Amino acid sequence: MVSQKKSNFKELIYIGVGTNLGDRLGNIRHAIEELNQFDIQIIRTASVYETPAWGFESDDLFLNTVFECSSPIKPMDCLKATQFVEKKIGRKKTLKEGYESRIIDLDILLFKDQQIYLPELTIPHTYITERQFVITPMHELTDSFFFDSLNSNFEELKNKFKNSDFPFVVYNPPLVKQ
C-alpha cells in the first residue's frame, strides 16, 4: 500500500491507467514520463493490479493503476494531453464503438473534484463507480476522503463489491519518487 500523504484531494487530478499489450509495466512508466512533459506532475501512483478485460473479451490481462496528479492546466487541456500521450505510446483505436485491447489507456477519473458534462469529457468518469479495477487503487490513494463530485468515498464504493481480494496487486513499489 502506498503511504498516505496529507493532500488537498479537491485540488488533485486522478488518471486511471490500463494496458494489456506489449511491455505493460513499461507502458505505465512511459505514460508517467510523457505526462510530465505536459505539466502534469504525477505525485503518487497506486499499486499496479492485474485484471481481466472489462466490457469485452480478451486473452490478454490488463495492468491497471491510478495516478494522483497535480497540474495548473484546464480539464480540456488535460484530455488533449492524455490523448496525445496515448497516441505517442502507440495506442491505435480500430473500433468506432466499444472496447478493445490497447497498449495504453488514460482516463481522467476526477479533476479537482469538479463535475464536467461535455460530449467529449465527463468528470467524474462515467464508469468510475462500476469498475473495481479503478475503485481499489483509488481507495488505496484516497482512503475514506469524501468526494463531493461523487457524493461518496472510495471506501464505501469498494465495500459494494463481494470479492474484496480482487483485483490483486502485481507490483507495488512506487513508480514515481516520493
N, C-alpha and C. Protein backbone atom coordinates (compact mmCIF):
# COMPACT_ATOMS: atom_id res chain seq x y z
N MET A 1 0.84 -1.18 0.00
CA MET A 1 0.00 0.00 0.00
C MET A 1 0.89 1.24 0.00
N VAL A 2 0.53 2.20 -0.82
CA VAL A 2 1.28 3.45 -0.91
C VAL A 2 1.03 4.25 0.37
N SER A 3 2.07 4.86 0.91
CA SER A 3 1.89 5.65 2.12
C SER A 3 1.03 6.86 1.84
N GLN A 4 0.20 7.21 2.81
CA GLN A 4 -0.70 8.35 2.66
C GLN A 4 0.01 9.63 3.05
N LYS A 5 -0.09 10.62 2.19
CA LYS A 5 0.40 11.96 2.49
C LYS A 5 -0.81 12.84 2.68
N LYS A 6 -0.69 13.84 3.52
CA LYS A 6 -1.77 14.81 3.66
C LYS A 6 -1.83 15.64 2.39
N SER A 7 -2.94 15.59 1.69
CA SER A 7 -3.11 16.33 0.45
C SER A 7 -4.47 16.99 0.45
N ASN A 8 -4.58 18.05 -0.31
CA ASN A 8 -5.89 18.62 -0.55
C ASN A 8 -6.45 17.91 -1.77
N PHE A 9 -7.20 16.83 -1.53
CA PHE A 9 -7.70 15.99 -2.61
C PHE A 9 -8.55 16.77 -3.61
N LYS A 10 -9.17 17.84 -3.16
CA LYS A 10 -10.04 18.60 -4.05
C LYS A 10 -9.24 19.38 -5.09
N GLU A 11 -7.94 19.43 -4.97
CA GLU A 11 -7.10 20.15 -5.93
C GLU A 11 -6.28 19.20 -6.80
N LEU A 12 -6.56 17.89 -6.70
CA LEU A 12 -5.78 16.90 -7.42
C LEU A 12 -6.55 16.32 -8.60
N ILE A 13 -5.81 15.74 -9.51
CA ILE A 13 -6.36 15.07 -10.68
C ILE A 13 -6.02 13.59 -10.54
N TYR A 14 -6.98 12.73 -10.84
CA TYR A 14 -6.76 11.29 -10.79
C TYR A 14 -6.96 10.72 -12.18
N ILE A 15 -5.94 10.04 -12.66
CA ILE A 15 -5.96 9.46 -14.00
C ILE A 15 -5.86 7.95 -13.87
N GLY A 16 -6.86 7.25 -14.42
CA GLY A 16 -6.84 5.79 -14.47
C GLY A 16 -5.99 5.33 -15.63
N VAL A 17 -5.23 4.28 -15.41
CA VAL A 17 -4.30 3.78 -16.42
C VAL A 17 -4.54 2.29 -16.62
N GLY A 18 -4.63 1.88 -17.88
CA GLY A 18 -4.77 0.47 -18.20
C GLY A 18 -3.94 0.12 -19.42
N THR A 19 -3.43 -1.10 -19.45
CA THR A 19 -2.63 -1.59 -20.57
C THR A 19 -2.69 -3.11 -20.59
N ASN A 20 -2.91 -3.68 -21.79
CA ASN A 20 -2.86 -5.14 -21.87
C ASN A 20 -2.07 -5.65 -23.08
N LEU A 21 -1.29 -4.77 -23.69
CA LEU A 21 -0.46 -5.18 -24.82
C LEU A 21 0.99 -4.74 -24.60
N GLY A 22 1.92 -5.53 -25.10
CA GLY A 22 3.34 -5.16 -25.05
C GLY A 22 3.90 -5.24 -23.63
N ASP A 23 4.89 -4.42 -23.36
CA ASP A 23 5.53 -4.33 -22.05
C ASP A 23 4.62 -3.50 -21.14
N ARG A 24 3.68 -4.15 -20.50
CA ARG A 24 2.63 -3.44 -19.78
C ARG A 24 3.16 -2.51 -18.70
N LEU A 25 4.07 -2.98 -17.87
CA LEU A 25 4.63 -2.11 -16.84
C LEU A 25 5.45 -0.99 -17.47
N GLY A 26 6.17 -1.30 -18.52
CA GLY A 26 6.91 -0.29 -19.26
C GLY A 26 5.99 0.77 -19.86
N ASN A 27 4.82 0.34 -20.33
CA ASN A 27 3.85 1.30 -20.88
C ASN A 27 3.39 2.29 -19.81
N ILE A 28 3.18 1.79 -18.61
CA ILE A 28 2.75 2.66 -17.50
C ILE A 28 3.86 3.65 -17.16
N ARG A 29 5.08 3.15 -17.07
CA ARG A 29 6.21 4.05 -16.78
C ARG A 29 6.38 5.10 -17.88
N HIS A 30 6.20 4.69 -19.12
CA HIS A 30 6.32 5.61 -20.26
C HIS A 30 5.25 6.70 -20.16
N ALA A 31 4.04 6.34 -19.76
CA ALA A 31 2.95 7.32 -19.60
C ALA A 31 3.31 8.37 -18.54
N ILE A 32 3.95 7.94 -17.47
CA ILE A 32 4.37 8.89 -16.43
C ILE A 32 5.34 9.92 -17.02
N GLU A 33 6.35 9.42 -17.74
CA GLU A 33 7.34 10.31 -18.36
C GLU A 33 6.69 11.30 -19.31
N GLU A 34 5.78 10.80 -20.14
CA GLU A 34 5.15 11.65 -21.15
C GLU A 34 4.21 12.68 -20.54
N LEU A 35 3.43 12.29 -19.54
CA LEU A 35 2.52 13.25 -18.90
C LEU A 35 3.28 14.39 -18.24
N ASN A 36 4.44 14.08 -17.70
CA ASN A 36 5.26 15.13 -17.09
C ASN A 36 5.64 16.21 -18.11
N GLN A 37 5.71 15.85 -19.38
CA GLN A 37 6.05 16.82 -20.43
C GLN A 37 4.92 17.84 -20.65
N PHE A 38 3.73 17.53 -20.16
CA PHE A 38 2.57 18.40 -20.32
C PHE A 38 2.23 19.14 -19.04
N ASP A 39 3.18 19.27 -18.14
CA ASP A 39 2.96 19.96 -16.87
C ASP A 39 1.93 19.23 -16.01
N ILE A 40 1.85 17.92 -16.18
CA ILE A 40 1.03 17.08 -15.32
C ILE A 40 2.00 16.29 -14.45
N GLN A 41 2.13 16.71 -13.20
CA GLN A 41 3.08 16.08 -12.29
C GLN A 41 2.40 14.91 -11.57
N ILE A 42 2.95 13.71 -11.75
CA ILE A 42 2.42 12.55 -11.05
C ILE A 42 3.04 12.57 -9.66
N ILE A 43 2.20 12.74 -8.66
CA ILE A 43 2.65 12.83 -7.27
C ILE A 43 2.86 11.43 -6.70
N ARG A 44 1.86 10.58 -6.89
CA ARG A 44 1.91 9.20 -6.38
C ARG A 44 1.17 8.31 -7.36
N THR A 45 1.48 7.03 -7.27
CA THR A 45 0.72 6.03 -8.01
C THR A 45 0.21 5.00 -7.02
N ALA A 46 -0.92 4.42 -7.34
CA ALA A 46 -1.39 3.28 -6.57
C ALA A 46 -0.59 2.05 -6.99
N SER A 47 -0.80 0.96 -6.30
CA SER A 47 -0.22 -0.30 -6.74
C SER A 47 -0.75 -0.63 -8.12
N VAL A 48 -0.06 -1.52 -8.80
CA VAL A 48 -0.49 -1.97 -10.11
C VAL A 48 -1.23 -3.30 -9.92
N TYR A 49 -2.41 -3.39 -10.50
CA TYR A 49 -3.27 -4.56 -10.36
C TYR A 49 -3.44 -5.25 -11.70
N GLU A 50 -3.53 -6.58 -11.67
CA GLU A 50 -3.77 -7.33 -12.89
C GLU A 50 -5.21 -7.79 -12.90
N THR A 51 -5.90 -7.54 -14.02
CA THR A 51 -7.32 -7.85 -14.12
C THR A 51 -7.66 -8.32 -15.53
N PRO A 52 -8.77 -9.05 -15.65
CA PRO A 52 -9.25 -9.38 -17.00
C PRO A 52 -9.84 -8.15 -17.65
N ALA A 53 -10.07 -8.23 -18.94
CA ALA A 53 -10.69 -7.13 -19.68
C ALA A 53 -12.07 -6.83 -19.11
N TRP A 54 -12.48 -5.57 -19.22
CA TRP A 54 -13.80 -5.14 -18.77
C TRP A 54 -14.56 -4.60 -19.97
N GLY A 55 -15.73 -5.16 -20.25
CA GLY A 55 -16.55 -4.68 -21.36
C GLY A 55 -16.30 -5.36 -22.68
N PHE A 56 -15.33 -6.29 -22.71
CA PHE A 56 -15.05 -7.05 -23.93
C PHE A 56 -14.22 -8.27 -23.55
N GLU A 57 -14.09 -9.21 -24.46
CA GLU A 57 -13.32 -10.43 -24.24
C GLU A 57 -11.90 -10.26 -24.76
N SER A 58 -10.92 -10.70 -23.96
CA SER A 58 -9.53 -10.69 -24.40
C SER A 58 -8.76 -11.73 -23.60
N ASP A 59 -7.83 -12.40 -24.27
CA ASP A 59 -6.95 -13.35 -23.58
C ASP A 59 -5.83 -12.62 -22.84
N ASP A 60 -5.61 -11.35 -23.17
CA ASP A 60 -4.53 -10.57 -22.58
C ASP A 60 -5.03 -9.83 -21.34
N LEU A 61 -4.42 -10.14 -20.18
CA LEU A 61 -4.81 -9.48 -18.94
C LEU A 61 -4.31 -8.03 -18.92
N PHE A 62 -5.04 -7.19 -18.23
CA PHE A 62 -4.68 -5.78 -18.08
C PHE A 62 -3.86 -5.56 -16.83
N LEU A 63 -2.97 -4.58 -16.88
CA LEU A 63 -2.40 -3.97 -15.69
C LEU A 63 -3.12 -2.64 -15.54
N ASN A 64 -3.58 -2.36 -14.32
CA ASN A 64 -4.31 -1.13 -14.03
C ASN A 64 -3.73 -0.45 -12.81
N THR A 65 -3.74 0.87 -12.82
CA THR A 65 -3.34 1.66 -11.68
C THR A 65 -4.02 3.02 -11.79
N VAL A 66 -3.77 3.87 -10.81
CA VAL A 66 -4.26 5.24 -10.84
C VAL A 66 -3.11 6.16 -10.49
N PHE A 67 -2.98 7.24 -11.25
CA PHE A 67 -2.01 8.29 -10.97
C PHE A 67 -2.70 9.41 -10.21
N GLU A 68 -2.10 9.86 -9.13
CA GLU A 68 -2.55 11.07 -8.42
C GLU A 68 -1.67 12.21 -8.92
N CYS A 69 -2.28 13.23 -9.51
CA CYS A 69 -1.53 14.26 -10.22
C CYS A 69 -1.88 15.66 -9.73
N SER A 70 -0.94 16.55 -10.00
CA SER A 70 -1.13 17.97 -9.77
C SER A 70 -0.79 18.69 -11.06
N SER A 71 -1.60 19.70 -11.39
CA SER A 71 -1.34 20.44 -12.62
C SER A 71 -2.14 21.73 -12.64
N PRO A 72 -1.57 22.77 -13.23
CA PRO A 72 -2.33 24.02 -13.39
C PRO A 72 -3.22 24.02 -14.63
N ILE A 73 -3.13 22.98 -15.47
CA ILE A 73 -3.86 23.00 -16.73
C ILE A 73 -5.36 22.81 -16.53
N LYS A 74 -6.11 23.18 -17.55
CA LYS A 74 -7.57 23.07 -17.53
C LYS A 74 -7.98 21.66 -17.95
N PRO A 75 -9.22 21.25 -17.62
CA PRO A 75 -9.66 19.88 -17.93
C PRO A 75 -9.53 19.50 -19.41
N MET A 76 -9.93 20.36 -20.32
CA MET A 76 -9.84 20.01 -21.75
C MET A 76 -8.38 19.88 -22.20
N ASP A 77 -7.49 20.69 -21.63
CA ASP A 77 -6.07 20.56 -21.95
C ASP A 77 -5.53 19.24 -21.40
N CYS A 78 -6.02 18.83 -20.26
CA CYS A 78 -5.61 17.54 -19.69
C CYS A 78 -6.09 16.41 -20.59
N LEU A 79 -7.32 16.50 -21.09
CA LEU A 79 -7.83 15.49 -22.01
C LEU A 79 -6.97 15.42 -23.27
N LYS A 80 -6.65 16.57 -23.84
CA LYS A 80 -5.81 16.60 -25.04
C LYS A 80 -4.45 15.98 -24.75
N ALA A 81 -3.88 16.26 -23.58
CA ALA A 81 -2.58 15.71 -23.21
C ALA A 81 -2.65 14.19 -23.09
N THR A 82 -3.67 13.67 -22.41
CA THR A 82 -3.77 12.22 -22.25
C THR A 82 -3.96 11.53 -23.59
N GLN A 83 -4.76 12.12 -24.46
CA GLN A 83 -4.96 11.53 -25.79
C GLN A 83 -3.68 11.57 -26.62
N PHE A 84 -2.93 12.67 -26.53
CA PHE A 84 -1.67 12.77 -27.24
C PHE A 84 -0.69 11.71 -26.74
N VAL A 85 -0.61 11.55 -25.42
CA VAL A 85 0.30 10.56 -24.83
C VAL A 85 -0.09 9.16 -25.27
N GLU A 86 -1.39 8.85 -25.27
CA GLU A 86 -1.84 7.53 -25.73
C GLU A 86 -1.35 7.26 -27.16
N LYS A 87 -1.52 8.22 -28.04
CA LYS A 87 -1.08 8.04 -29.43
C LYS A 87 0.44 7.92 -29.53
N LYS A 88 1.15 8.75 -28.75
CA LYS A 88 2.62 8.72 -28.80
C LYS A 88 3.15 7.36 -28.35
N ILE A 89 2.53 6.79 -27.33
CA ILE A 89 2.99 5.49 -26.83
C ILE A 89 2.61 4.36 -27.79
N GLY A 90 1.61 4.60 -28.63
CA GLY A 90 1.29 3.60 -29.64
C GLY A 90 -0.15 3.13 -29.67
N ARG A 91 -1.02 3.77 -28.94
CA ARG A 91 -2.42 3.34 -28.97
C ARG A 91 -3.04 3.65 -30.33
N LYS A 92 -3.71 2.63 -30.85
CA LYS A 92 -4.43 2.77 -32.11
C LYS A 92 -5.86 2.31 -31.86
N LYS A 93 -6.80 3.19 -32.12
CA LYS A 93 -8.20 2.81 -31.98
C LYS A 93 -8.68 2.28 -33.33
N THR A 94 -9.17 1.03 -33.31
CA THR A 94 -9.65 0.44 -34.55
C THR A 94 -11.17 0.32 -34.57
N LEU A 95 -11.78 0.33 -33.40
CA LEU A 95 -13.24 0.26 -33.31
C LEU A 95 -13.84 1.65 -33.23
N LYS A 96 -14.99 1.84 -33.87
CA LYS A 96 -15.68 3.11 -33.74
C LYS A 96 -16.39 3.19 -32.40
N GLU A 97 -16.88 2.06 -31.91
CA GLU A 97 -17.53 1.99 -30.61
C GLU A 97 -17.07 0.74 -29.90
N GLY A 98 -17.15 0.77 -28.57
CA GLY A 98 -16.80 -0.40 -27.79
C GLY A 98 -15.36 -0.39 -27.33
N TYR A 99 -14.99 -1.48 -26.68
CA TYR A 99 -13.66 -1.59 -26.08
C TYR A 99 -12.84 -2.63 -26.82
N GLU A 100 -11.52 -2.47 -26.73
CA GLU A 100 -10.61 -3.39 -27.37
C GLU A 100 -9.28 -3.38 -26.62
N SER A 101 -8.43 -4.37 -26.91
CA SER A 101 -7.10 -4.39 -26.30
C SER A 101 -6.37 -3.12 -26.68
N ARG A 102 -5.46 -2.69 -25.78
CA ARG A 102 -4.74 -1.44 -26.05
C ARG A 102 -3.39 -1.43 -25.37
N ILE A 103 -2.48 -0.71 -25.97
CA ILE A 103 -1.14 -0.56 -25.40
C ILE A 103 -1.18 0.36 -24.19
N ILE A 104 -2.08 1.35 -24.20
CA ILE A 104 -2.24 2.25 -23.05
C ILE A 104 -3.62 2.90 -23.13
N ASP A 105 -4.20 3.10 -21.99
CA ASP A 105 -5.47 3.82 -21.88
C ASP A 105 -5.35 4.75 -20.69
N LEU A 106 -5.59 6.02 -20.90
CA LEU A 106 -5.51 7.02 -19.85
C LEU A 106 -6.87 7.70 -19.73
N ASP A 107 -7.52 7.50 -18.60
CA ASP A 107 -8.85 8.09 -18.36
C ASP A 107 -8.77 9.08 -17.22
N ILE A 108 -9.27 10.29 -17.45
CA ILE A 108 -9.38 11.26 -16.36
C ILE A 108 -10.56 10.81 -15.51
N LEU A 109 -10.27 10.39 -14.30
CA LEU A 109 -11.31 9.90 -13.40
C LEU A 109 -11.96 11.04 -12.62
N LEU A 110 -11.12 11.86 -12.02
CA LEU A 110 -11.56 13.02 -11.23
C LEU A 110 -10.63 14.17 -11.55
N PHE A 111 -11.19 15.35 -11.64
CA PHE A 111 -10.39 16.55 -11.92
C PHE A 111 -10.75 17.61 -10.89
N LYS A 112 -9.91 17.69 -9.84
CA LYS A 112 -10.07 18.71 -8.80
C LYS A 112 -11.49 18.76 -8.25
N ASP A 113 -12.10 17.59 -8.13
CA ASP A 113 -13.44 17.40 -7.58
C ASP A 113 -14.50 18.22 -8.32
N GLN A 114 -14.25 18.47 -9.60
CA GLN A 114 -15.21 19.19 -10.43
C GLN A 114 -16.18 18.21 -11.08
N GLN A 115 -17.30 18.74 -11.52
CA GLN A 115 -18.23 17.97 -12.34
C GLN A 115 -18.27 18.62 -13.71
N ILE A 116 -18.02 17.81 -14.74
CA ILE A 116 -17.97 18.31 -16.12
C ILE A 116 -18.78 17.36 -16.99
N TYR A 117 -19.69 17.91 -17.75
CA TYR A 117 -20.53 17.10 -18.63
C TYR A 117 -20.50 17.70 -20.03
N LEU A 118 -19.53 17.24 -20.81
CA LEU A 118 -19.38 17.66 -22.20
C LEU A 118 -19.41 16.40 -23.07
N PRO A 119 -19.74 16.53 -24.35
CA PRO A 119 -19.76 15.33 -25.20
C PRO A 119 -18.43 14.58 -25.20
N GLU A 120 -17.32 15.31 -25.15
CA GLU A 120 -16.01 14.65 -25.22
C GLU A 120 -15.37 14.37 -23.86
N LEU A 121 -15.97 14.88 -22.77
CA LEU A 121 -15.37 14.70 -21.45
C LEU A 121 -16.43 14.72 -20.36
N THR A 122 -16.49 13.64 -19.59
CA THR A 122 -17.38 13.56 -18.44
C THR A 122 -16.54 13.29 -17.21
N ILE A 123 -16.69 14.18 -16.22
CA ILE A 123 -15.98 14.03 -14.94
C ILE A 123 -16.98 14.27 -13.82
N PRO A 124 -17.07 13.35 -12.86
CA PRO A 124 -16.31 12.12 -12.71
C PRO A 124 -16.53 11.19 -13.91
N HIS A 125 -15.53 10.35 -14.17
CA HIS A 125 -15.60 9.42 -15.29
C HIS A 125 -16.90 8.62 -15.21
N THR A 126 -17.50 8.40 -16.34
CA THR A 126 -18.82 7.75 -16.42
C THR A 126 -18.88 6.43 -15.65
N TYR A 127 -17.84 5.61 -15.71
CA TYR A 127 -17.88 4.28 -15.09
C TYR A 127 -17.04 4.17 -13.83
N ILE A 128 -16.69 5.27 -13.23
CA ILE A 128 -15.78 5.23 -12.07
C ILE A 128 -16.34 4.39 -10.92
N THR A 129 -17.63 4.38 -10.71
CA THR A 129 -18.19 3.65 -9.57
C THR A 129 -18.49 2.19 -9.90
N GLU A 130 -18.30 1.78 -11.14
CA GLU A 130 -18.62 0.41 -11.56
C GLU A 130 -17.41 -0.48 -11.76
N ARG A 131 -16.23 0.09 -11.79
CA ARG A 131 -15.03 -0.67 -12.12
C ARG A 131 -14.19 -0.90 -10.87
N GLN A 132 -14.16 -2.13 -10.44
CA GLN A 132 -13.38 -2.46 -9.25
C GLN A 132 -11.90 -2.20 -9.48
N PHE A 133 -11.43 -2.34 -10.72
CA PHE A 133 -10.01 -2.08 -11.01
C PHE A 133 -9.67 -0.59 -10.95
N VAL A 134 -10.68 0.28 -10.82
CA VAL A 134 -10.48 1.70 -10.59
C VAL A 134 -10.70 2.02 -9.11
N ILE A 135 -11.75 1.47 -8.55
CA ILE A 135 -12.11 1.76 -7.15
C ILE A 135 -11.02 1.30 -6.19
N THR A 136 -10.47 0.12 -6.42
CA THR A 136 -9.45 -0.41 -5.49
C THR A 136 -8.21 0.49 -5.44
N PRO A 137 -7.60 0.88 -6.57
CA PRO A 137 -6.46 1.78 -6.46
C PRO A 137 -6.83 3.19 -6.00
N MET A 138 -8.04 3.66 -6.33
CA MET A 138 -8.48 4.97 -5.83
C MET A 138 -8.61 4.93 -4.31
N HIS A 139 -9.14 3.83 -3.79
CA HIS A 139 -9.25 3.69 -2.33
C HIS A 139 -7.87 3.68 -1.69
N GLU A 140 -6.94 3.03 -2.34
CA GLU A 140 -5.56 2.98 -1.84
C GLU A 140 -4.98 4.39 -1.70
N LEU A 141 -5.28 5.25 -2.66
CA LEU A 141 -4.73 6.60 -2.65
C LEU A 141 -5.53 7.58 -1.77
N THR A 142 -6.84 7.38 -1.68
CA THR A 142 -7.68 8.38 -1.03
C THR A 142 -8.36 7.91 0.24
N ASP A 143 -8.33 6.62 0.52
CA ASP A 143 -8.91 6.05 1.73
C ASP A 143 -10.38 6.44 1.85
N SER A 144 -10.73 7.18 2.87
CA SER A 144 -12.14 7.50 3.10
C SER A 144 -12.46 8.96 2.82
N PHE A 145 -11.60 9.65 2.08
CA PHE A 145 -11.86 11.05 1.77
C PHE A 145 -13.14 11.16 0.94
N PHE A 146 -14.02 12.07 1.31
CA PHE A 146 -15.31 12.24 0.65
C PHE A 146 -15.17 13.15 -0.56
N PHE A 147 -15.61 12.66 -1.72
CA PHE A 147 -15.58 13.45 -2.94
C PHE A 147 -16.98 13.99 -3.20
N ASP A 148 -17.10 15.30 -3.16
CA ASP A 148 -18.40 15.93 -3.42
C ASP A 148 -18.93 15.54 -4.80
N SER A 149 -18.05 15.48 -5.79
CA SER A 149 -18.48 15.19 -7.15
C SER A 149 -19.07 13.79 -7.29
N LEU A 150 -18.73 12.88 -6.37
CA LEU A 150 -19.27 11.52 -6.38
C LEU A 150 -20.34 11.31 -5.32
N ASN A 151 -20.42 12.23 -4.39
CA ASN A 151 -21.30 12.10 -3.23
C ASN A 151 -20.99 10.80 -2.48
N SER A 152 -19.69 10.47 -2.41
CA SER A 152 -19.27 9.22 -1.78
C SER A 152 -17.77 9.26 -1.55
N ASN A 153 -17.26 8.18 -0.97
CA ASN A 153 -15.82 7.98 -0.88
C ASN A 153 -15.51 6.59 -1.41
N PHE A 154 -14.24 6.31 -1.64
CA PHE A 154 -13.87 5.04 -2.26
C PHE A 154 -13.89 3.88 -1.28
N GLU A 155 -13.88 4.16 0.00
CA GLU A 155 -14.05 3.09 0.98
C GLU A 155 -15.46 2.51 0.85
N GLU A 156 -16.46 3.38 0.78
CA GLU A 156 -17.85 2.93 0.59
C GLU A 156 -18.02 2.21 -0.74
N LEU A 157 -17.43 2.78 -1.80
CA LEU A 157 -17.57 2.17 -3.12
C LEU A 157 -16.90 0.79 -3.17
N LYS A 158 -15.77 0.65 -2.52
CA LYS A 158 -15.06 -0.63 -2.52
C LYS A 158 -15.88 -1.70 -1.80
N ASN A 159 -16.58 -1.31 -0.75
CA ASN A 159 -17.35 -2.26 0.03
C ASN A 159 -18.55 -2.84 -0.72
N LYS A 160 -18.94 -2.25 -1.83
CA LYS A 160 -20.09 -2.78 -2.57
C LYS A 160 -19.73 -4.03 -3.39
N PHE A 161 -18.44 -4.31 -3.55
CA PHE A 161 -18.01 -5.49 -4.29
C PHE A 161 -17.87 -6.68 -3.35
N LYS A 162 -18.37 -7.83 -3.77
CA LYS A 162 -18.36 -9.02 -2.93
C LYS A 162 -16.96 -9.59 -2.74
N ASN A 163 -16.14 -9.55 -3.78
CA ASN A 163 -14.80 -10.12 -3.71
C ASN A 163 -13.80 -8.99 -3.48
N SER A 164 -13.54 -8.68 -2.22
CA SER A 164 -12.64 -7.57 -1.90
C SER A 164 -11.18 -7.92 -2.15
N ASP A 165 -10.86 -9.20 -2.37
CA ASP A 165 -9.48 -9.60 -2.66
C ASP A 165 -9.12 -9.41 -4.13
N PHE A 166 -10.10 -9.06 -4.94
CA PHE A 166 -9.87 -8.86 -6.36
C PHE A 166 -9.95 -7.37 -6.63
N PRO A 167 -9.17 -6.77 -7.46
CA PRO A 167 -8.05 -7.38 -8.17
C PRO A 167 -6.84 -7.53 -7.25
N PHE A 168 -5.86 -8.30 -7.67
CA PHE A 168 -4.71 -8.48 -6.80
C PHE A 168 -3.51 -7.69 -7.30
N VAL A 169 -2.68 -7.30 -6.35
CA VAL A 169 -1.51 -6.48 -6.64
C VAL A 169 -0.44 -7.32 -7.33
N VAL A 170 0.12 -6.78 -8.40
CA VAL A 170 1.25 -7.44 -9.05
C VAL A 170 2.54 -6.63 -8.91
N TYR A 171 2.38 -5.37 -8.54
CA TYR A 171 3.55 -4.51 -8.40
C TYR A 171 3.17 -3.36 -7.49
N ASN A 172 3.90 -3.20 -6.38
CA ASN A 172 3.52 -2.07 -5.54
C ASN A 172 4.61 -1.14 -5.08
N PRO A 173 5.85 -1.32 -5.47
CA PRO A 173 6.78 -0.23 -5.19
C PRO A 173 6.34 1.02 -5.96
N PRO A 174 6.58 2.19 -5.43
CA PRO A 174 6.14 3.39 -6.14
C PRO A 174 6.79 3.52 -7.51
N LEU A 175 6.00 3.99 -8.46
CA LEU A 175 6.51 4.20 -9.82
C LEU A 175 7.11 5.57 -9.98
N VAL A 176 6.88 6.46 -9.02
CA VAL A 176 7.48 7.79 -9.03
C VAL A 176 8.19 7.98 -7.70
N LYS A 177 9.21 8.83 -7.71
CA LYS A 177 9.92 9.14 -6.48
C LYS A 177 9.03 9.99 -5.60
N GLN A 178 8.95 9.63 -4.33
CA GLN A 178 8.07 10.36 -3.41
C GLN A 178 8.87 11.23 -2.49
